[in-house]
Amino acid sequence: MRVTETEVPGAYLITPEQLTDERGSFHEALRTVELEEVTGEPFRPQQINYSTSRRNTLRGIHSVTVPPGQAKLVTCVRGAARDIVVDLRVNSPTFGHFDGTVLDTITARSVYVPEGVGHGFLTLTDDTCICYVLSSAHVPGTQVDINPLDPDLALPWNFTEPPLMSHKDTTARSLTETLDAGLLMAWAAVPPAVRDRRRDDEHGHRPRR
């Protein structure tokens, strides 16, 4: 698999190498050892969730408080979705920045979302199914929800009609309100390997992978 860092430090796009023949295709979706070599952090799945959505459904922006913290591996196993990650780590050099990609079953790509980074997606087809592999089990009261239509974030969802959203997401706080509520992870809590890579990037010494 090919692992490349996004514009949000510590968040990665994972592209598998697919083997195809007349029967169909096969690919490895994840090797935790390889992912951990890149991130410098252990990734031990504790819970797996699935969501199924109609076309033009918008879910997010979601994260989890630290503690307990939660990293996730997001994959589209049916249909297609425009996926976006947002840096929500206070004092991060890229705080409020985002990166987006299309997840589908053709490329079989996944997105690794580290602790403290927000995540959301807009479905592009009916019956889109998203799989979330989580590093921690759900703890009630720890979820952080930010309105995906917050004008300060100005995320490029590119929908052509009002999206379907839950009441929880529609009424979620803005980024500024969430910051003021003290719910966001601090950049200082990010693993040193990620912060060191960011400093290298700023000085033009991005490590090769």
C-alpha atoms as a PDB file:
ATOM      1  CA  MET A   1       0.000   0.000   0.000  1.00  0.00           C
ATOM      2  CA  ARG A   2       1.090   3.592  -0.601  1.00  0.00           C
ATOM      3  CA  VAL A   3       0.784   5.981   2.344  1.00  0.00           C
ATOM      4  CA  THR A   4       0.989   9.736   1.709  1.00  0.00           C
ATOM      5  CA  GLU A   5       0.525  12.556   4.192  1.00  0.00           C
ATOM      6  CA  THR A   6      -2.271  15.046   3.514  1.00  0.00           C
ATOM      7  CA  GLU A   7      -2.155  18.807   4.025  1.00  0.00           C
ATOM      8  CA  VAL A   8      -3.258  18.115   7.623  1.00  0.00           C
ATOM      9  CA  PRO A   9      -0.195  16.860   9.546  1.00  0.00           C
ATOM     10  CA  GLY A  10      -0.613  13.304  10.789  1.00  0.00           C
ATOM     11  CA  ALA A  11      -3.564  12.524   8.504  1.00  0.00           C
ATOM     12  CA  TYR A  12      -2.788  10.115   5.679  1.00  0.00           C
ATOM     13  CA  LEU A  13      -4.261   8.874   2.429  1.00  0.00           C
ATOM     14  CA  ILE A  14      -3.764   5.134   1.985  1.00  0.00           C
ATOM     15  CA  THR A  15      -3.894   3.761  -1.546  1.00  0.00           C
ATOM     16  CA  PRO A  16      -3.731  -0.035  -1.876  1.00  0.00           C
ATOM     17  CA  GLU A  17      -2.128  -1.965  -4.691  1.00  0.00           C
ATOM     18  CA  GLN A  18      -4.922  -3.926  -6.352  1.00  0.00           C
ATOM     19  CA  LEU A  19      -4.506  -7.298  -8.037  1.00  0.00           C
ATOM     20  CA  THR A  20      -7.054  -7.805 -10.795  1.00  0.00           C
ATOM     21  CA  ASP A  21      -7.964 -10.633 -13.124  1.00  0.00           C
ATOM     22  CA  GLU A  22     -11.049 -11.964 -14.920  1.00  0.00           C
ATOM     23  CA  ARG A  23     -12.664 -12.802 -11.569  1.00  0.00           C
ATOM     24  CA  GLY A  24     -12.385  -9.311 -10.102  1.00  0.00           C
ATOM     25  CA  SER A  25      -9.840  -7.807  -7.730  1.00  0.00           C
ATOM     26  CA  PHE A  26      -8.033  -8.289  -4.422  1.00  0.00           C
ATOM     27  CA  HIS A  27      -6.175  -5.827  -2.214  1.00  0.00           C
ATOM     28  CA  GLU A  28      -4.796  -5.405   1.275  1.00  0.00           C
ATOM     29  CA  ALA A  29      -6.667  -2.554   2.939  1.00  0.00           C
ATOM     30  CA  LEU A  30      -4.283  -2.150   5.887  1.00  0.00           C
ATOM     31  CA  ARG A  31      -1.130  -3.418   7.498  1.00  0.00           C
ATOM     32  CA  THR A  32      -0.922  -1.814  10.907  1.00  0.00           C
ATOM     33  CA  VAL A  33       2.844  -2.296  11.068  1.00  0.00           C
ATOM     34  CA  GLU A  34       3.342  -0.215   7.916  1.00  0.00           C
ATOM     35  CA  LEU A  35       0.911   2.466   9.092  1.00  0.00           C
ATOM     36  CA  GLU A  36       2.601   2.666  12.477  1.00  0.00           C
ATOM     37  CA  GLU A  37       6.010   3.035  10.836  1.00  0.00           C
ATOM     38  CA  VAL A  38       4.721   6.145   9.079  1.00  0.00           C
ATOM     39  CA  THR A  39       2.692   7.688  11.906  1.00  0.00           C
ATOM     40  CA  GLY A  40       5.031   6.759  14.748  1.00  0.00           C
ATOM     41  CA  GLU A  41       1.984   5.803  16.810  1.00  0.00           C
ATOM     42  CA  PRO A  42       0.312   2.462  17.551  1.00  0.00           C
ATOM     43  CA  PHE A  43      -3.032   1.781  15.891  1.00  0.00           C
ATOM     44  CA  ARG A  44      -4.971  -0.975  17.634  1.00  0.00           C
ATOM     45  CA  PRO A  45      -8.608  -1.226  16.446  1.00  0.00           C
ATOM     46  CA  GLN A  46     -11.099  -1.339  19.311  1.00  0.00           C
ATOM     47  CA  GLN A  47     -14.378  -0.785  17.446  1.00  0.00           C
ATOM     48  CA  ILE A  48     -15.641  -0.959  13.853  1.00  0.00           C
ATOM     49  CA  ASN A  49     -18.671   1.036  12.674  1.00  0.00           C
ATOM     50  CA  TYR A  50     -20.582   1.271   9.398  1.00  0.00           C
ATOM     51  CA  SER A  51     -22.888   3.987   8.112  1.00  0.00           C
ATOM     52  CA  THR A  52     -25.173   3.748   5.077  1.00  0.00           C
ATOM     53  CA  SER A  53     -26.454   6.954   3.501  1.00  0.00           C
ATOM     54  CA  ARG A  54     -28.550   8.271   0.652  1.00  0.00           C
ATOM     55  CA  ARG A  55     -26.921  10.460  -1.986  1.00  0.00           C
ATOM     56  CA  ASN A  56     -26.171  14.032  -0.869  1.00  0.00           C
ATOM     57  CA  THR A  57     -25.994  13.130   2.824  1.00  0.00           C
ATOM     58  CA  LEU A  58     -23.538  15.242   4.809  1.00  0.00           C
ATOM     59  CA  ARG A  59     -22.073  13.783   8.014  1.00  0.00           C
ATOM     60  CA  GLY A  60     -19.588  15.642  10.217  1.00  0.00           C
ATOM     61  CA  ILE A  61     -17.489  17.394  11.239  1.00  0.00           C
ATOM     62  CA  HIS A  62     -16.822  14.887  14.042  1.00  0.00           C
ATOM     63  CA  SER A  63     -13.971  14.292  16.456  1.00  0.00           C
ATOM     64  CA  VAL A  64     -13.485  13.011  20.013  1.00  0.00           C
ATOM     65  CA  THR A  65     -12.127  14.812  23.076  1.00  0.00           C
ATOM     66  CA  VAL A  66      -8.693  13.914  24.421  1.00  0.00           C
ATOM     67  CA  PRO A  67      -8.930  11.952  26.626  1.00  0.00           C
ATOM     68  CA  PRO A  68     -10.021   9.417  25.569  1.00  0.00           C
ATOM     69  CA  GLY A  69      -8.978  10.371  22.026  1.00  0.00           C
ATOM     70  CA  GLN A  70      -9.740   8.385  18.910  1.00  0.00           C
ATOM     71  CA  ALA A  71      -7.903   7.754  15.654  1.00  0.00           C
ATOM     72  CA  LYS A  72      -9.862   6.270  12.778  1.00  0.00           C
ATOM     73  CA  LEU A  73      -9.362   4.609   9.434  1.00  0.00           C
ATOM     74  CA  VAL A  74     -12.180   5.555   7.042  1.00  0.00           C
ATOM     75  CA  THR A  75     -12.993   3.521   3.931  1.00  0.00           C
ATOM     76  CA  CYS A  76     -15.855   3.625   1.432  1.00  0.00           C
ATOM     77  CA  VAL A  77     -16.944   0.021   0.906  1.00  0.00           C
ATOM     78  CA  ARG A  78     -19.903   0.843  -1.361  1.00  0.00           C
ATOM     79  CA  GLY A  79     -20.714   3.914  -3.434  1.00  0.00           C
ATOM     80  CA  ALA A  80     -18.630   7.109  -3.246  1.00  0.00           C
ATOM     81  CA  ALA A  81     -18.106  10.048  -0.905  1.00  0.00           C
ATOM     82  CA  ARG A  82     -16.247  13.358  -0.808  1.00  0.00           C
ATOM     83  CA  ASP A  83     -14.187  13.026   2.361  1.00  0.00           C
ATOM     84  CA  ILE A  84     -12.665  15.940   4.289  1.00  0.00           C
ATOM     85  CA  VAL A  85     -10.326  16.115   7.289  1.00  0.00           C
ATOM     86  CA  VAL A  86      -9.898  19.331   9.289  1.00  0.00           C
ATOM     87  CA  ASP A  87      -7.083  20.231  11.684  1.00  0.00           C
ATOM     88  CA  LEU A  88      -8.776  21.032  15.015  1.00  0.00           C
ATOM     89  CA  ARG A  89      -5.644  20.922  17.217  1.00  0.00           C
ATOM     90  CA  VAL A  90      -5.229  24.166  19.112  1.00  0.00           C
ATOM     91  CA  ASN A  91      -2.027  26.057  18.177  1.00  0.00           C
ATOM     92  CA  SER A  92      -1.313  23.709  15.291  1.00  0.00           C
ATOM     93  CA  PRO A  93       0.479  25.548  12.464  1.00  0.00           C
ATOM     94  CA  THR A  94      -2.347  24.333  10.202  1.00  0.00           C
ATOM     95  CA  PHE A  95      -5.265  24.887  12.614  1.00  0.00           C
ATOM     96  CA  GLY A  96      -8.507  25.165  10.643  1.00  0.00           C
ATOM     97  CA  HIS A  97      -6.893  23.878   7.440  1.00  0.00           C
ATOM     98  CA  PHE A  98      -8.444  20.957   5.606  1.00  0.00           C
ATOM     99  CA  ASP A  99      -7.725  18.328   2.995  1.00  0.00           C
ATOM    100  CA  GLY A 100     -10.220  16.431   0.881  1.00  0.00           C
ATOM    101  CA  THR A 101     -10.391  13.432  -1.395  1.00  0.00           C
ATOM    102  CA  VAL A 102     -12.989  11.197  -3.011  1.00  0.00           C
ATOM    103  CA  LEU A 103     -13.297   7.753  -1.472  1.00  0.00           C
ATOM    104  CA  ASP A 104     -14.845   5.032  -3.609  1.00  0.00           C
ATOM    105  CA  THR A 105     -14.659   1.341  -4.379  1.00  0.00           C
ATOM    106  CA  ILE A 106     -12.671   1.874  -7.580  1.00  0.00           C
ATOM    107  CA  THR A 107      -9.533   3.278  -5.957  1.00  0.00           C
ATOM    108  CA  ALA A 108     -10.240   1.518  -2.610  1.00  0.00           C
ATOM    109  CA  ARG A 109      -8.446   4.365  -0.838  1.00  0.00           C
ATOM    110  CA  SER A 110      -8.728   4.957   2.893  1.00  0.00           C
ATOM    111  CA  VAL A 111      -8.066   7.986   5.066  1.00  0.00           C
ATOM    112  CA  TYR A 112      -6.273   7.734   8.391  1.00  0.00           C
ATOM    113  CA  VAL A 113      -7.558  10.423  10.777  1.00  0.00           C
ATOM    114  CA  PRO A 114      -5.396  10.962  13.874  1.00  0.00           C
ATOM    115  CA  GLU A 115      -6.580  12.083  17.301  1.00  0.00           C
ATOM    116  CA  GLY A 116      -7.667  15.713  17.395  1.00  0.00           C
ATOM    117  CA  VAL A 117      -8.453  15.958  13.670  1.00  0.00           C
ATOM    118  CA  GLY A 118     -12.063  16.399  12.529  1.00  0.00           C
ATOM    119  CA  HIS A 119     -13.679  14.310   9.834  1.00  0.00           C
ATOM    120  CA  GLY A 120     -16.762  14.482   7.619  1.00  0.00           C
ATOM    121  CA  PHE A 121     -18.051  13.402   4.231  1.00  0.00           C
ATOM    122  CA  LEU A 122     -20.705  14.071   1.603  1.00  0.00           C
ATOM    123  CA  THR A 123     -22.112  11.013  -0.176  1.00  0.00           C
ATOM    124  CA  LEU A 124     -22.069  11.125  -3.971  1.00  0.00           C
ATOM    125  CA  THR A 125     -24.283   8.089  -4.650  1.00  0.00           C
ATOM    126  CA  ASP A 126     -27.278   6.390  -3.083  1.00  0.00           C
ATOM    127  CA  ASP A 127     -26.604   3.535  -0.682  1.00  0.00           C
ATOM    128  CA  THR A 128     -23.070   4.682   0.078  1.00  0.00           C
ATOM    129  CA  CYS A 129     -21.542   2.651   2.901  1.00  0.00           C
ATOM    130  CA  ILE A 130     -18.629   3.927   4.977  1.00  0.00           C
ATOM    131  CA  CYS A 131     -16.534   1.778   7.315  1.00  0.00           C
ATOM    132  CA  TYR A 132     -14.794   3.326  10.329  1.00  0.00           C
ATOM    133  CA  VAL A 133     -12.078   1.352  12.121  1.00  0.00           C
ATOM    134  CA  LEU A 134     -11.573   3.067  15.491  1.00  0.00           C
ATOM    135  CA  SER A 135      -8.691   3.050  17.949  1.00  0.00           C
ATOM    136  CA  SER A 136     -11.024   3.422  20.944  1.00  0.00           C
ATOM    137  CA  ALA A 137     -14.548   2.374  21.820  1.00  0.00           C
ATOM    138  CA  HIS A 138     -17.331   4.943  21.962  1.00  0.00           C
ATOM    139  CA  VAL A 139     -17.567   6.822  25.263  1.00  0.00           C
ATOM    140  CA  PRO A 140     -20.832   8.777  25.663  1.00  0.00           C
ATOM    141  CA  GLY A 141     -20.341  12.513  26.057  1.00  0.00           C
ATOM    142  CA  THR A 142     -16.897  12.689  24.433  1.00  0.00           C
ATOM    143  CA  GLN A 143     -17.870  13.402  20.827  1.00  0.00           C
ATOM    144  CA  VAL A 144     -17.014  16.807  19.388  1.00  0.00           C
ATOM    145  CA  ASP A 145     -19.390  18.017  16.657  1.00  0.00           C
ATOM    146  CA  ILE A 146     -18.701  21.076  14.517  1.00  0.00           C
ATOM    147  CA  ASN A 147     -21.134  22.401  11.942  1.00  0.00           C
ATOM    148  CA  PRO A 148     -19.820  21.286   8.525  1.00  0.00           C
ATOM    149  CA  LEU A 149     -21.314  24.424   6.964  1.00  0.00           C
ATOM    150  CA  ASP A 150     -19.490  26.809   9.316  1.00  0.00           C
ATOM    151  CA  PRO A 151     -18.566  29.763   7.055  1.00  0.00           C
ATOM    152  CA  ASP A 152     -15.281  30.235   8.895  1.00  0.00           C
ATOM    153  CA  LEU A 153     -14.204  26.766   7.761  1.00  0.00           C
ATOM    154  CA  ALA A 154     -15.641  27.214   4.245  1.00  0.00           C
ATOM    155  CA  LEU A 155     -15.244  23.546   3.392  1.00  0.00           C
ATOM    156  CA  PRO A 156     -15.564  22.705  -0.335  1.00  0.00           C
ATOM    157  CA  TRP A 157     -18.425  20.213  -0.232  1.00  0.00           C
ATOM    158  CA  ASN A 158     -19.516  21.268  -3.738  1.00  0.00           C
ATOM    159  CA  PHE A 159     -23.110  20.122  -3.362  1.00  0.00           C
ATOM    160  CA  THR A 160     -25.641  21.486  -5.846  1.00  0.00           C
ATOM    161  CA  GLU A 161     -28.670  21.206  -3.555  1.00  0.00           C
ATOM    162  CA  PRO A 162     -29.113  21.407   0.224  1.00  0.00           C
ATOM    163  CA  PRO A 163     -27.628  18.239   1.747  1.00  0.00           C
ATOM    164  CA  LEU A 164     -29.366  15.828   4.089  1.00  0.00           C
ATOM    165  CA  MET A 165     -28.064  16.372   7.622  1.00  0.00           C
ATOM    166  CA  SER A 166     -28.912  15.171  11.107  1.00  0.00           C
ATOM    167  CA  HIS A 167     -30.368  17.601  13.623  1.00  0.00           C
ATOM    168  CA  LYS A 168     -27.206  17.124  15.667  1.00  0.00           C
ATOM    169  CA  ASP A 169     -24.960  18.269  12.810  1.00  0.00           C
ATOM    170  CA  THR A 170     -27.265  21.086  11.720  1.00  0.00           C
ATOM    171  CA  THR A 171     -27.268  22.579  15.231  1.00  0.00           C
ATOM    172  CA  ALA A 172     -23.622  21.831  16.030  1.00  0.00           C
ATOM    173  CA  ARG A 173     -21.300  24.549  17.278  1.00  0.00           C
ATOM    174  CA  SER A 174     -19.114  26.598  14.978  1.00  0.00           C
ATOM    175  CA  LEU A 175     -15.346  26.144  15.122  1.00  0.00           C
ATOM    176  CA  THR A 176     -14.996  29.335  17.170  1.00  0.00           C
ATOM    177  CA  GLU A 177     -17.670  28.236  19.648  1.00  0.00           C
ATOM    178  CA  THR A 178     -16.048  24.814  19.994  1.00  0.00           C
ATOM    179  CA  LEU A 179     -12.672  26.413  20.596  1.00  0.00           C
ATOM    180  CA  ASP A 180     -14.140  28.724  23.230  1.00  0.00           C
ATOM    181  CA  ALA A 181     -15.775  25.730  24.948  1.00  0.00           C
ATOM    182  CA  GLY A 182     -12.340  24.185  25.495  1.00  0.00           C
ATOM    183  CA  LEU A 183     -13.217  20.917  23.738  1.00  0.00           C
ATOM    184  CA  LEU A 184     -10.302  20.710  21.316  1.00  0.00           C
ATOM    185  CA  MET A 185      -7.010  18.882  21.625  1.00  0.00           C
ATOM    186  CA  ALA A 186      -3.807  20.912  21.959  1.00  0.00           C
ATOM    187  CA  TRP A 187      -1.051  20.716  19.340  1.00  0.00           C
ATOM    188  CA  ALA A 188       1.373  20.100  22.227  1.00  0.00           C
ATOM    189  CA  ALA A 189      -0.389  16.757  22.831  1.00  0.00           C
ATOM    190  CA  VAL A 190       0.352  15.563  19.277  1.00  0.00           C
ATOM    191  CA  PRO A 191       3.062  12.856  19.059  1.00  0.00           C
ATOM    192  CA  PRO A 192       6.534  14.416  18.737  1.00  0.00           C
ATOM    193  CA  ALA A 193       7.152  12.559  15.468  1.00  0.00           C
ATOM    194  CA  VAL A 194       4.292  14.478  13.810  1.00  0.00           C
ATOM    195  CA  ARG A 195       5.387  17.847  15.215  1.00  0.00           C
ATOM    196  CA  ASP A 196       8.999  17.202  14.211  1.00  0.00           C
ATOM    197  CA  ARG A 197       7.952  16.339  10.660  1.00  0.00           C
ATOM    198  CA  ARG A 198       5.985  19.567  10.488  1.00  0.00           C
ATOM    199  CA  ARG A 199       9.045  21.565  11.530  1.00  0.00           C
ATOM    200  CA  ASP A 200      11.103  19.762   8.877  1.00  0.00           C
ATOM    201  CA  ASP A 201       8.449  20.617   6.265  1.00  0.00           C
ATOM    202  CA  GLU A 202       8.578  24.298   7.205  1.00  0.00           C
ATOM    203  CA  HIS A 203      12.341  24.288   6.674  1.00  0.00           C
ATOM    204  CA  GLY A 204      12.195  22.403   3.404  1.00  0.00           C
ATOM    205  CA  HIS A 205      13.390  19.088   4.768  1.00  0.00           C
ATOM    206  CA  ARG A 206      10.367  16.895   4.272  1.00  0.00           C
ATOM    207  CA  PRO A 207      11.472  13.286   4.886  1.00  0.00           C
ATOM    208  CA  ARG A 208      11.096  10.848   1.990  1.00  0.00           C
ATOM    209  CA  ARG A 209       8.892   7.767   2.438  1.00  0.00           C
END
